[in-house]
Amino acid sequence: MKNASGGKKMTSKYTYLLVLLPFLTVVLLFELLPLFMLIIDSFGSDADKTVLFTLENYKKIFTTLSYKTAIKNSLIITFVSTVVGIVIAFLGAQAAHNSRGKFRNAFMAVLNMTSNFAGVPLAFAYMIIIGNAGVLKQVANVYGIGFIQNFDLYSSSGLILMYIYFQIPLSTLLLIPAFNGIRKEWQEANMLLGGRSSTFWFKVGIPVLIPSIFGTISVLFANALCAYATAYALLMNNFSLLPVNISAAFTGDIRSQPSLGAALSVVMMILMVVVIFVDNYIVKKTTQWKTR
């Protein structure tokens, strides 16, 4: 009996491995192997192909003003769009959680539609709406609305506005399931004890949602840091961003610099990994604090 039971377990184990084999193959060929090759290429030399290992690319990234500016601009735009996006998404997810019926269905439909509206179509839409000859600019010129007249879409402010736009629906969709963990009994107990709505959210609701909030922040950070099509369609190479510089290194107008592009890609990945580790650390500390 024991041998039969052990044989069944071994057969089941090998069956699971066989089912996972296609997935593991895809991960190896399309994720791990390209990542490994990218890291190796980042230590190569674009000037001398015979050089197998050099730190020249990384030295160039952190000493050249344009690349330092690209990293700084990417981090600023990513940080601002992530913070504003998560705050608005929290309110939107709360509203969706509390709503019922047709309003919720319509709200979810709009979220799903807008979450897929990004890249070149989004940049083109903003040009039509609030570009130099956009609809809102024309209305503002007629009625003298100063802040719209003076708004420059083709700047960092315009880029941040577009990033916030595509961050909000994504983060809202990610946060809505987390609100299912907020029990009505907790809110009722807070009311019976004389607590306000703000008291409940700051002392109960938000602490419960912190793991989901910081998990969403990680996704938003990566989403904004790696965004390329929207920024390039709006400003092309006129605004220094990390993804744009990476693309320019691989497809340079004069000559390509694949090793430099690989090093820039590694720097971008390190930034994302650092943010993920910081998020995980905060969530871990917060969870430990709640269990004391």
C-alpha atoms as a PDB file:
ATOM      1  CA  MET A   1       0.000   0.000   0.000  1.00  0.00           C
ATOM      2  CA  LYS A   2       2.808   2.370   0.871  1.00  0.00           C
ATOM      3  CA  ASN A   3       4.596   1.676  -2.392  1.00  0.00           C
ATOM      4  CA  ALA A   4       1.404   2.263  -4.352  1.00  0.00           C
ATOM      5  CA  SER A   5       0.786   5.542  -2.515  1.00  0.00           C
ATOM      6  CA  GLY A   6       4.392   6.627  -3.059  1.00  0.00           C
ATOM      7  CA  GLY A   7       4.192   5.728  -6.741  1.00  0.00           C
ATOM      8  CA  LYS A   8       1.041   7.801  -7.186  1.00  0.00           C
ATOM      9  CA  LYS A   9       2.725  10.799  -5.531  1.00  0.00           C
ATOM     10  CA  MET A  10       5.776  10.501  -7.795  1.00  0.00           C
ATOM     11  CA  THR A  11       3.550  10.181 -10.877  1.00  0.00           C
ATOM     12  CA  SER A  12       1.545  13.218  -9.785  1.00  0.00           C
ATOM     13  CA  LYS A  13       4.772  15.179  -9.214  1.00  0.00           C
ATOM     14  CA  TYR A  14       6.130  14.360 -12.662  1.00  0.00           C
ATOM     15  CA  THR A  15       2.748  15.213 -14.198  1.00  0.00           C
ATOM     16  CA  TYR A  16       2.854  18.676 -12.624  1.00  0.00           C
ATOM     17  CA  LEU A  17       6.411  19.192 -13.876  1.00  0.00           C
ATOM     18  CA  LEU A  18       5.374  18.110 -17.361  1.00  0.00           C
ATOM     19  CA  VAL A  19       2.482  20.589 -17.340  1.00  0.00           C
ATOM     20  CA  LEU A  20       4.804  23.365 -16.110  1.00  0.00           C
ATOM     21  CA  LEU A  21       7.460  22.598 -18.716  1.00  0.00           C
ATOM     22  CA  PRO A  22       6.022  24.881 -21.475  1.00  0.00           C
ATOM     23  CA  PHE A  23       5.678  27.750 -18.999  1.00  0.00           C
ATOM     24  CA  LEU A  24       9.226  27.252 -17.664  1.00  0.00           C
ATOM     25  CA  THR A  25      10.538  27.116 -21.232  1.00  0.00           C
ATOM     26  CA  VAL A  26       8.873  30.431 -22.081  1.00  0.00           C
ATOM     27  CA  VAL A  27      10.240  32.030 -18.888  1.00  0.00           C
ATOM     28  CA  LEU A  28      13.736  30.775 -19.664  1.00  0.00           C
ATOM     29  CA  LEU A  29      13.807  31.772 -23.344  1.00  0.00           C
ATOM     30  CA  PHE A  30      11.919  35.079 -23.181  1.00  0.00           C
ATOM     31  CA  GLU A  31      12.730  36.405 -19.704  1.00  0.00           C
ATOM     32  CA  LEU A  32      15.747  34.894 -17.973  1.00  0.00           C
ATOM     33  CA  LEU A  33      17.985  34.371 -21.010  1.00  0.00           C
ATOM     34  CA  PRO A  34      17.411  37.896 -22.474  1.00  0.00           C
ATOM     35  CA  LEU A  35      17.957  39.384 -19.001  1.00  0.00           C
ATOM     36  CA  PHE A  36      21.209  37.462 -18.609  1.00  0.00           C
ATOM     37  CA  MET A  37      22.408  38.526 -22.067  1.00  0.00           C
ATOM     38  CA  LEU A  38      21.418  42.151 -21.372  1.00  0.00           C
ATOM     39  CA  ILE A  39      23.520  42.235 -18.218  1.00  0.00           C
ATOM     40  CA  ILE A  40      26.492  40.722 -20.055  1.00  0.00           C
ATOM     41  CA  ASP A  41      26.146  43.211 -22.936  1.00  0.00           C
ATOM     42  CA  SER A  42      26.064  46.128 -20.487  1.00  0.00           C
ATOM     43  CA  PHE A  43      29.720  45.403 -19.633  1.00  0.00           C
ATOM     44  CA  GLY A  44      30.784  45.373 -23.294  1.00  0.00           C
ATOM     45  CA  SER A  45      32.279  48.207 -25.324  1.00  0.00           C
ATOM     46  CA  ASP A  46      30.620  49.855 -28.310  1.00  0.00           C
ATOM     47  CA  ALA A  47      33.918  51.324 -29.476  1.00  0.00           C
ATOM     48  CA  ASP A  48      35.998  48.155 -29.237  1.00  0.00           C
ATOM     49  CA  LYS A  49      34.121  44.882 -29.697  1.00  0.00           C
ATOM     50  CA  THR A  50      37.134  42.883 -28.490  1.00  0.00           C
ATOM     51  CA  VAL A  51      36.744  44.257 -24.967  1.00  0.00           C
ATOM     52  CA  LEU A  52      34.724  41.716 -22.980  1.00  0.00           C
ATOM     53  CA  PHE A  53      34.433  43.553 -19.661  1.00  0.00           C
ATOM     54  CA  THR A  54      34.435  47.272 -18.902  1.00  0.00           C
ATOM     55  CA  LEU A  55      32.613  49.655 -16.589  1.00  0.00           C
ATOM     56  CA  GLU A  56      32.861  52.461 -19.120  1.00  0.00           C
ATOM     57  CA  ASN A  57      29.128  52.406 -19.929  1.00  0.00           C
ATOM     58  CA  TYR A  58      28.094  52.799 -16.288  1.00  0.00           C
ATOM     59  CA  LYS A  59      30.729  55.494 -15.766  1.00  0.00           C
ATOM     60  CA  LYS A  60      29.365  57.355 -18.781  1.00  0.00           C
ATOM     61  CA  ILE A  61      25.777  57.113 -17.487  1.00  0.00           C
ATOM     62  CA  PHE A  62      26.587  58.622 -14.087  1.00  0.00           C
ATOM     63  CA  THR A  63      28.994  61.293 -15.345  1.00  0.00           C
ATOM     64  CA  THR A  64      27.216  62.532 -18.479  1.00  0.00           C
ATOM     65  CA  LEU A  65      24.718  65.334 -17.812  1.00  0.00           C
ATOM     66  CA  SER A  66      22.131  64.154 -20.350  1.00  0.00           C
ATOM     67  CA  TYR A  67      21.898  60.678 -18.832  1.00  0.00           C
ATOM     68  CA  LYS A  68      21.793  61.996 -15.262  1.00  0.00           C
ATOM     69  CA  THR A  69      19.038  64.382 -16.346  1.00  0.00           C
ATOM     70  CA  ALA A  70      17.145  61.501 -17.965  1.00  0.00           C
ATOM     71  CA  ILE A  71      17.243  59.489 -14.736  1.00  0.00           C
ATOM     72  CA  LYS A  72      16.199  62.527 -12.690  1.00  0.00           C
ATOM     73  CA  ASN A  73      13.318  63.434 -15.032  1.00  0.00           C
ATOM     74  CA  SER A  74      12.075  59.844 -15.143  1.00  0.00           C
ATOM     75  CA  LEU A  75      12.106  59.547 -11.357  1.00  0.00           C
ATOM     76  CA  ILE A  76      10.324  62.886 -10.829  1.00  0.00           C
ATOM     77  CA  ILE A  77       7.581  62.172 -13.380  1.00  0.00           C
ATOM     78  CA  THR A  78       7.199  58.613 -12.101  1.00  0.00           C
ATOM     79  CA  PHE A  79       7.006  59.708  -8.456  1.00  0.00           C
ATOM     80  CA  VAL A  80       4.485  62.514  -9.054  1.00  0.00           C
ATOM     81  CA  SER A  81       2.229  60.439 -11.319  1.00  0.00           C
ATOM     82  CA  THR A  82       2.356  57.484  -8.912  1.00  0.00           C
ATOM     83  CA  VAL A  83       1.478  59.536  -5.821  1.00  0.00           C
ATOM     84  CA  VAL A  84      -1.340  61.477  -7.501  1.00  0.00           C
ATOM     85  CA  GLY A  85      -2.584  58.332  -9.233  1.00  0.00           C
ATOM     86  CA  ILE A  86      -2.746  56.239  -6.050  1.00  0.00           C
ATOM     87  CA  VAL A  87      -4.568  58.991  -4.105  1.00  0.00           C
ATOM     88  CA  ILE A  88      -7.238  59.449  -6.793  1.00  0.00           C
ATOM     89  CA  ALA A  89      -7.448  55.677  -7.324  1.00  0.00           C
ATOM     90  CA  PHE A  90      -8.064  55.141  -3.602  1.00  0.00           C
ATOM     91  CA  LEU A  91     -11.060  57.476  -3.715  1.00  0.00           C
ATOM     92  CA  GLY A  92     -12.296  55.911  -6.962  1.00  0.00           C
ATOM     93  CA  ALA A  93     -11.945  52.363  -5.640  1.00  0.00           C
ATOM     94  CA  GLN A  94     -13.800  53.335  -2.468  1.00  0.00           C
ATOM     95  CA  ALA A  95     -16.620  54.845  -4.541  1.00  0.00           C
ATOM     96  CA  ALA A  96     -16.798  51.730  -6.730  1.00  0.00           C
ATOM     97  CA  HIS A  97     -16.859  49.500  -3.653  1.00  0.00           C
ATOM     98  CA  ASN A  98     -19.730  51.437  -2.081  1.00  0.00           C
ATOM     99  CA  SER A  99     -21.763  51.687  -5.295  1.00  0.00           C
ATOM    100  CA  ARG A 100     -24.188  49.087  -6.637  1.00  0.00           C
ATOM    101  CA  GLY A 101     -26.201  48.327  -9.748  1.00  0.00           C
ATOM    102  CA  LYS A 102     -25.935  50.195 -13.028  1.00  0.00           C
ATOM    103  CA  PHE A 103     -23.613  52.893 -11.718  1.00  0.00           C
ATOM    104  CA  ARG A 104     -21.000  50.334 -10.682  1.00  0.00           C
ATOM    105  CA  ASN A 105     -21.292  48.488 -13.996  1.00  0.00           C
ATOM    106  CA  ALA A 106     -20.885  51.732 -15.956  1.00  0.00           C
ATOM    107  CA  PHE A 107     -17.963  52.790 -13.754  1.00  0.00           C
ATOM    108  CA  MET A 108     -16.184  49.465 -14.267  1.00  0.00           C
ATOM    109  CA  ALA A 109     -16.778  49.638 -18.021  1.00  0.00           C
ATOM    110  CA  VAL A 110     -15.210  53.101 -18.181  1.00  0.00           C
ATOM    111  CA  LEU A 111     -12.239  51.943 -16.094  1.00  0.00           C
ATOM    112  CA  ASN A 112     -11.601  48.951 -18.343  1.00  0.00           C
ATOM    113  CA  MET A 113     -11.803  51.138 -21.446  1.00  0.00           C
ATOM    114  CA  THR A 114      -9.545  53.929 -20.174  1.00  0.00           C
ATOM    115  CA  SER A 115      -6.977  51.509 -18.717  1.00  0.00           C
ATOM    116  CA  ASN A 116      -6.228  50.351 -22.274  1.00  0.00           C
ATOM    117  CA  PHE A 117      -6.091  53.871 -23.693  1.00  0.00           C
ATOM    118  CA  ALA A 118      -2.414  54.811 -23.645  1.00  0.00           C
ATOM    119  CA  GLY A 119       0.589  55.233 -25.892  1.00  0.00           C
ATOM    120  CA  VAL A 120       0.353  57.099 -29.211  1.00  0.00           C
ATOM    121  CA  PRO A 121      -3.504  57.368 -29.229  1.00  0.00           C
ATOM    122  CA  LEU A 122      -3.393  59.012 -25.792  1.00  0.00           C
ATOM    123  CA  ALA A 123      -0.750  61.530 -26.880  1.00  0.00           C
ATOM    124  CA  PHE A 124      -2.731  62.319 -30.050  1.00  0.00           C
ATOM    125  CA  ALA A 125      -5.933  62.801 -28.018  1.00  0.00           C
ATOM    126  CA  TYR A 126      -4.191  65.251 -25.684  1.00  0.00           C
ATOM    127  CA  MET A 127      -2.813  67.181 -28.647  1.00  0.00           C
ATOM    128  CA  ILE A 128      -6.363  67.569 -29.993  1.00  0.00           C
ATOM    129  CA  ILE A 129      -7.799  68.545 -26.615  1.00  0.00           C
ATOM    130  CA  ILE A 130      -5.165  70.763 -25.013  1.00  0.00           C
ATOM    131  CA  GLY A 131      -2.378  71.150 -27.575  1.00  0.00           C
ATOM    132  CA  ASN A 132      -1.327  74.532 -28.965  1.00  0.00           C
ATOM    133  CA  ALA A 133      -4.386  74.531 -31.255  1.00  0.00           C
ATOM    134  CA  GLY A 134      -6.482  72.199 -29.139  1.00  0.00           C
ATOM    135  CA  VAL A 135     -10.173  72.514 -28.367  1.00  0.00           C
ATOM    136  CA  LEU A 136      -9.702  73.637 -24.759  1.00  0.00           C
ATOM    137  CA  LYS A 137      -7.020  76.132 -25.774  1.00  0.00           C
ATOM    138  CA  GLN A 138      -9.406  77.684 -28.298  1.00  0.00           C
ATOM    139  CA  VAL A 139     -12.175  77.924 -25.696  1.00  0.00           C
ATOM    140  CA  ALA A 140      -9.723  79.397 -23.184  1.00  0.00           C
ATOM    141  CA  ASN A 141      -8.603  82.012 -25.695  1.00  0.00           C
ATOM    142  CA  VAL A 142     -12.208  83.071 -26.316  1.00  0.00           C
ATOM    143  CA  TYR A 143     -13.196  83.285 -22.631  1.00  0.00           C
ATOM    144  CA  GLY A 144      -9.821  84.332 -21.236  1.00  0.00           C
ATOM    145  CA  ILE A 145      -9.176  81.314 -19.010  1.00  0.00           C
ATOM    146  CA  GLY A 146      -5.580  82.028 -18.062  1.00  0.00           C
ATOM    147  CA  PHE A 147      -4.363  78.777 -16.563  1.00  0.00           C
ATOM    148  CA  ILE A 148      -5.439  76.827 -19.677  1.00  0.00           C
ATOM    149  CA  GLN A 149      -4.009  79.456 -22.038  1.00  0.00           C
ATOM    150  CA  ASN A 150      -0.647  79.288 -20.276  1.00  0.00           C
ATOM    151  CA  PHE A 151      -0.550  75.498 -19.999  1.00  0.00           C
ATOM    152  CA  ASP A 152       2.154  73.962 -22.179  1.00  0.00           C
ATOM    153  CA  LEU A 153       1.340  70.379 -23.141  1.00  0.00           C
ATOM    154  CA  TYR A 154       4.767  69.938 -24.728  1.00  0.00           C
ATOM    155  CA  SER A 155       6.636  70.121 -21.430  1.00  0.00           C
ATOM    156  CA  SER A 156       7.184  68.114 -18.264  1.00  0.00           C
ATOM    157  CA  SER A 157       3.812  69.364 -16.951  1.00  0.00           C
ATOM    158  CA  GLY A 158       1.998  67.984 -19.974  1.00  0.00           C
ATOM    159  CA  LEU A 159       3.857  64.701 -19.675  1.00  0.00           C
ATOM    160  CA  ILE A 160       2.964  64.385 -15.984  1.00  0.00           C
ATOM    161  CA  LEU A 161      -0.687  65.088 -16.804  1.00  0.00           C
ATOM    162  CA  MET A 162      -0.761  62.257 -19.351  1.00  0.00           C
ATOM    163  CA  TYR A 163       1.059  59.858 -17.034  1.00  0.00           C
ATOM    164  CA  ILE A 164      -1.440  60.583 -14.269  1.00  0.00           C
ATOM    165  CA  TYR A 165      -4.243  59.899 -16.736  1.00  0.00           C
ATOM    166  CA  PHE A 166      -3.142  56.352 -17.531  1.00  0.00           C
ATOM    167  CA  GLN A 167      -2.085  55.640 -13.927  1.00  0.00           C
ATOM    168  CA  ILE A 168      -5.520  56.306 -12.431  1.00  0.00           C
ATOM    169  CA  PRO A 169      -7.648  53.586 -14.124  1.00  0.00           C
ATOM    170  CA  LEU A 170      -4.933  50.942 -13.719  1.00  0.00           C
ATOM    171  CA  SER A 171      -4.460  51.637 -10.010  1.00  0.00           C
ATOM    172  CA  THR A 172      -8.217  51.846  -9.428  1.00  0.00           C
ATOM    173  CA  LEU A 173      -8.761  48.432 -11.008  1.00  0.00           C
ATOM    174  CA  LEU A 174      -5.989  46.989  -8.828  1.00  0.00           C
ATOM    175  CA  LEU A 175      -7.367  48.514  -5.619  1.00  0.00           C
ATOM    176  CA  ILE A 176     -11.051  47.653  -6.028  1.00  0.00           C
ATOM    177  CA  PRO A 177     -10.655  43.944  -5.022  1.00  0.00           C
ATOM    178  CA  ALA A 178      -8.703  45.001  -1.909  1.00  0.00           C
ATOM    179  CA  PHE A 179     -11.733  46.926  -0.604  1.00  0.00           C
ATOM    180  CA  ASN A 180     -13.609  43.630  -0.326  1.00  0.00           C
ATOM    181  CA  GLY A 181     -11.469  42.999   2.759  1.00  0.00           C
ATOM    182  CA  ILE A 182     -13.064  45.981   4.537  1.00  0.00           C
ATOM    183  CA  ARG A 183     -15.938  44.571   6.554  1.00  0.00           C
ATOM    184  CA  LYS A 184     -19.110  46.530   7.181  1.00  0.00           C
ATOM    185  CA  GLU A 185     -19.064  45.312  10.794  1.00  0.00           C
ATOM    186  CA  TRP A 186     -15.892  47.314  11.412  1.00  0.00           C
ATOM    187  CA  GLN A 187     -17.492  50.504  10.108  1.00  0.00           C
ATOM    188  CA  GLU A 188     -20.627  49.875  12.172  1.00  0.00           C
ATOM    189  CA  ALA A 189     -18.536  49.280  15.298  1.00  0.00           C
ATOM    190  CA  ASN A 190     -16.665  52.516  14.651  1.00  0.00           C
ATOM    191  CA  MET A 191     -19.979  54.412  14.397  1.00  0.00           C
ATOM    192  CA  LEU A 192     -21.361  52.819  17.575  1.00  0.00           C
ATOM    193  CA  LEU A 193     -18.228  53.845  19.466  1.00  0.00           C
ATOM    194  CA  GLY A 194     -18.652  57.429  18.271  1.00  0.00           C
ATOM    195  CA  GLY A 195     -15.841  57.410  15.719  1.00  0.00           C
ATOM    196  CA  ARG A 196     -15.911  59.488  12.557  1.00  0.00           C
ATOM    197  CA  SER A 197     -15.455  58.189   9.046  1.00  0.00           C
ATOM    198  CA  SER A 198     -11.949  59.693   8.933  1.00  0.00           C
ATOM    199  CA  THR A 199     -11.104  57.911  12.192  1.00  0.00           C
ATOM    200  CA  PHE A 200     -12.114  54.561  10.716  1.00  0.00           C
ATOM    201  CA  TRP A 201     -10.078  55.009   7.537  1.00  0.00           C
ATOM    202  CA  PHE A 202      -6.905  56.282   9.213  1.00  0.00           C
ATOM    203  CA  LYS A 203      -6.926  53.760  12.067  1.00  0.00           C
ATOM    204  CA  VAL A 204      -8.543  50.692  10.485  1.00  0.00           C
ATOM    205  CA  GLY A 205      -9.228  50.934   6.757  1.00  0.00           C
ATOM    206  CA  ILE A 206      -5.907  52.237   5.422  1.00  0.00           C
ATOM    207  CA  PRO A 207      -3.742  49.989   7.678  1.00  0.00           C
ATOM    208  CA  VAL A 208      -5.688  46.967   6.403  1.00  0.00           C
ATOM    209  CA  LEU A 209      -5.217  48.102   2.799  1.00  0.00           C
ATOM    210  CA  ILE A 210      -1.527  48.997   3.108  1.00  0.00           C
ATOM    211  CA  PRO A 211      -0.207  45.752   1.513  1.00  0.00           C
ATOM    212  CA  SER A 212      -2.494  46.261  -1.493  1.00  0.00           C
ATOM    213  CA  ILE A 213      -1.692  49.983  -1.683  1.00  0.00           C
ATOM    214  CA  PHE A 214       2.058  49.449  -1.746  1.00  0.00           C
ATOM    215  CA  GLY A 215       1.718  46.534  -4.136  1.00  0.00           C
ATOM    216  CA  THR A 216      -0.188  48.855  -6.466  1.00  0.00           C
ATOM    217  CA  ILE A 217       2.462  51.547  -6.006  1.00  0.00           C
ATOM    218  CA  SER A 218       5.103  49.083  -7.222  1.00  0.00           C
ATOM    219  CA  VAL A 219       3.075  48.389 -10.364  1.00  0.00           C
ATOM    220  CA  LEU A 220       2.469  52.098 -10.993  1.00  0.00           C
ATOM    221  CA  PHE A 221       6.136  52.928 -10.516  1.00  0.00           C
ATOM    222  CA  ALA A 222       7.221  50.298 -13.031  1.00  0.00           C
ATOM    223  CA  ASN A 223       4.431  51.301 -15.410  1.00  0.00           C
ATOM    224  CA  ALA A 224       5.454  54.964 -15.430  1.00  0.00           C
ATOM    225  CA  LEU A 225       9.219  54.436 -15.354  1.00  0.00           C
ATOM    226  CA  CYS A 226       9.141  52.164 -18.417  1.00  0.00           C
ATOM    227  CA  ALA A 227       6.506  54.095 -20.395  1.00  0.00           C
ATOM    228  CA  TYR A 228       7.933  55.003 -23.792  1.00  0.00           C
ATOM    229  CA  ALA A 229       5.325  55.392 -26.538  1.00  0.00           C
ATOM    230  CA  THR A 230       3.343  58.235 -24.925  1.00  0.00           C
ATOM    231  CA  ALA A 231       6.414  60.320 -24.100  1.00  0.00           C
ATOM    232  CA  TYR A 232       8.043  59.771 -27.481  1.00  0.00           C
ATOM    233  CA  ALA A 233       4.849  60.511 -29.433  1.00  0.00           C
ATOM    234  CA  LEU A 234       4.415  63.792 -27.562  1.00  0.00           C
ATOM    235  CA  LEU A 235       7.988  65.094 -27.251  1.00  0.00           C
ATOM    236  CA  MET A 236      10.149  62.682 -29.280  1.00  0.00           C
ATOM    237  CA  ASN A 237      13.793  63.312 -28.272  1.00  0.00           C
ATOM    238  CA  ASN A 238      13.121  66.856 -27.030  1.00  0.00           C
ATOM    239  CA  PHE A 239      12.736  65.757 -23.406  1.00  0.00           C
ATOM    240  CA  SER A 240      15.296  63.533 -21.721  1.00  0.00           C
ATOM    241  CA  LEU A 241      13.772  60.369 -20.260  1.00  0.00           C
ATOM    242  CA  LEU A 242      15.358  57.018 -19.443  1.00  0.00           C
ATOM    243  CA  PRO A 243      13.210  54.874 -21.808  1.00  0.00           C
ATOM    244  CA  VAL A 244      13.693  57.365 -24.661  1.00  0.00           C
ATOM    245  CA  ASN A 245      17.470  57.329 -24.138  1.00  0.00           C
ATOM    246  CA  ILE A 246      17.477  53.526 -24.110  1.00  0.00           C
ATOM    247  CA  SER A 247      15.636  53.448 -27.423  1.00  0.00           C
ATOM    248  CA  ALA A 248      17.997  56.065 -28.888  1.00  0.00           C
ATOM    249  CA  ALA A 249      21.016  53.989 -27.850  1.00  0.00           C
ATOM    250  CA  PHE A 250      19.744  50.935 -29.732  1.00  0.00           C
ATOM    251  CA  THR A 251      18.470  52.815 -32.794  1.00  0.00           C
ATOM    252  CA  GLY A 252      20.779  55.819 -32.887  1.00  0.00           C
ATOM    253  CA  ASP A 253      20.514  58.283 -35.780  1.00  0.00           C
ATOM    254  CA  ILE A 254      24.244  58.071 -36.519  1.00  0.00           C
ATOM    255  CA  ARG A 255      25.258  54.769 -34.942  1.00  0.00           C
ATOM    256  CA  SER A 256      23.762  52.422 -32.423  1.00  0.00           C
ATOM    257  CA  GLN A 257      25.248  51.860 -28.969  1.00  0.00           C
ATOM    258  CA  PRO A 258      23.760  48.552 -27.802  1.00  0.00           C
ATOM    259  CA  SER A 259      26.118  48.128 -24.839  1.00  0.00           C
ATOM    260  CA  LEU A 260      25.274  51.594 -23.542  1.00  0.00           C
ATOM    261  CA  GLY A 261      21.571  50.879 -24.079  1.00  0.00           C
ATOM    262  CA  ALA A 262      21.950  47.627 -22.142  1.00  0.00           C
ATOM    263  CA  ALA A 263      23.625  49.488 -19.267  1.00  0.00           C
ATOM    264  CA  LEU A 264      20.805  52.055 -19.215  1.00  0.00           C
ATOM    265  CA  SER A 265      18.300  49.190 -19.134  1.00  0.00           C
ATOM    266  CA  VAL A 266      20.117  47.599 -16.184  1.00  0.00           C
ATOM    267  CA  VAL A 267      20.032  50.938 -14.328  1.00  0.00           C
ATOM    268  CA  MET A 268      16.282  51.162 -14.943  1.00  0.00           C
ATOM    269  CA  MET A 269      15.776  47.610 -13.668  1.00  0.00           C
ATOM    270  CA  ILE A 270      17.822  48.364 -10.555  1.00  0.00           C
ATOM    271  CA  LEU A 271      15.621  51.393  -9.825  1.00  0.00           C
ATOM    272  CA  MET A 272      12.510  49.219 -10.086  1.00  0.00           C
ATOM    273  CA  VAL A 273      14.015  46.491  -7.886  1.00  0.00           C
ATOM    274  CA  VAL A 274      14.963  49.063  -5.230  1.00  0.00           C
ATOM    275  CA  VAL A 275      11.407  50.430  -5.151  1.00  0.00           C
ATOM    276  CA  ILE A 276       9.964  46.907  -4.889  1.00  0.00           C
ATOM    277  CA  PHE A 277      12.281  46.076  -1.972  1.00  0.00           C
ATOM    278  CA  VAL A 278      11.399  49.345  -0.210  1.00  0.00           C
ATOM    279  CA  ASP A 279       7.686  48.635  -0.684  1.00  0.00           C
ATOM    280  CA  ASN A 280       8.085  45.099   0.655  1.00  0.00           C
ATOM    281  CA  TYR A 281      10.055  46.391   3.646  1.00  0.00           C
ATOM    282  CA  ILE A 282       7.379  48.972   4.512  1.00  0.00           C
ATOM    283  CA  VAL A 283       4.612  46.371   4.162  1.00  0.00           C
ATOM    284  CA  LYS A 284       6.553  43.915   6.354  1.00  0.00           C
ATOM    285  CA  LYS A 285       7.166  46.499   9.078  1.00  0.00           C
ATOM    286  CA  THR A 286       3.541  47.652   8.951  1.00  0.00           C
ATOM    287  CA  THR A 287       2.283  44.070   9.218  1.00  0.00           C
ATOM    288  CA  GLN A 288       4.543  43.430  12.207  1.00  0.00           C
ATOM    289  CA  TRP A 289       3.272  46.638  13.841  1.00  0.00           C
ATOM    290  CA  LYS A 290      -0.364  45.581  13.342  1.00  0.00           C
ATOM    291  CA  THR A 291       0.215  42.142  14.910  1.00  0.00           C
ATOM    292  CA  ARG A 292       1.754  43.530  18.116  1.00  0.00           C
END
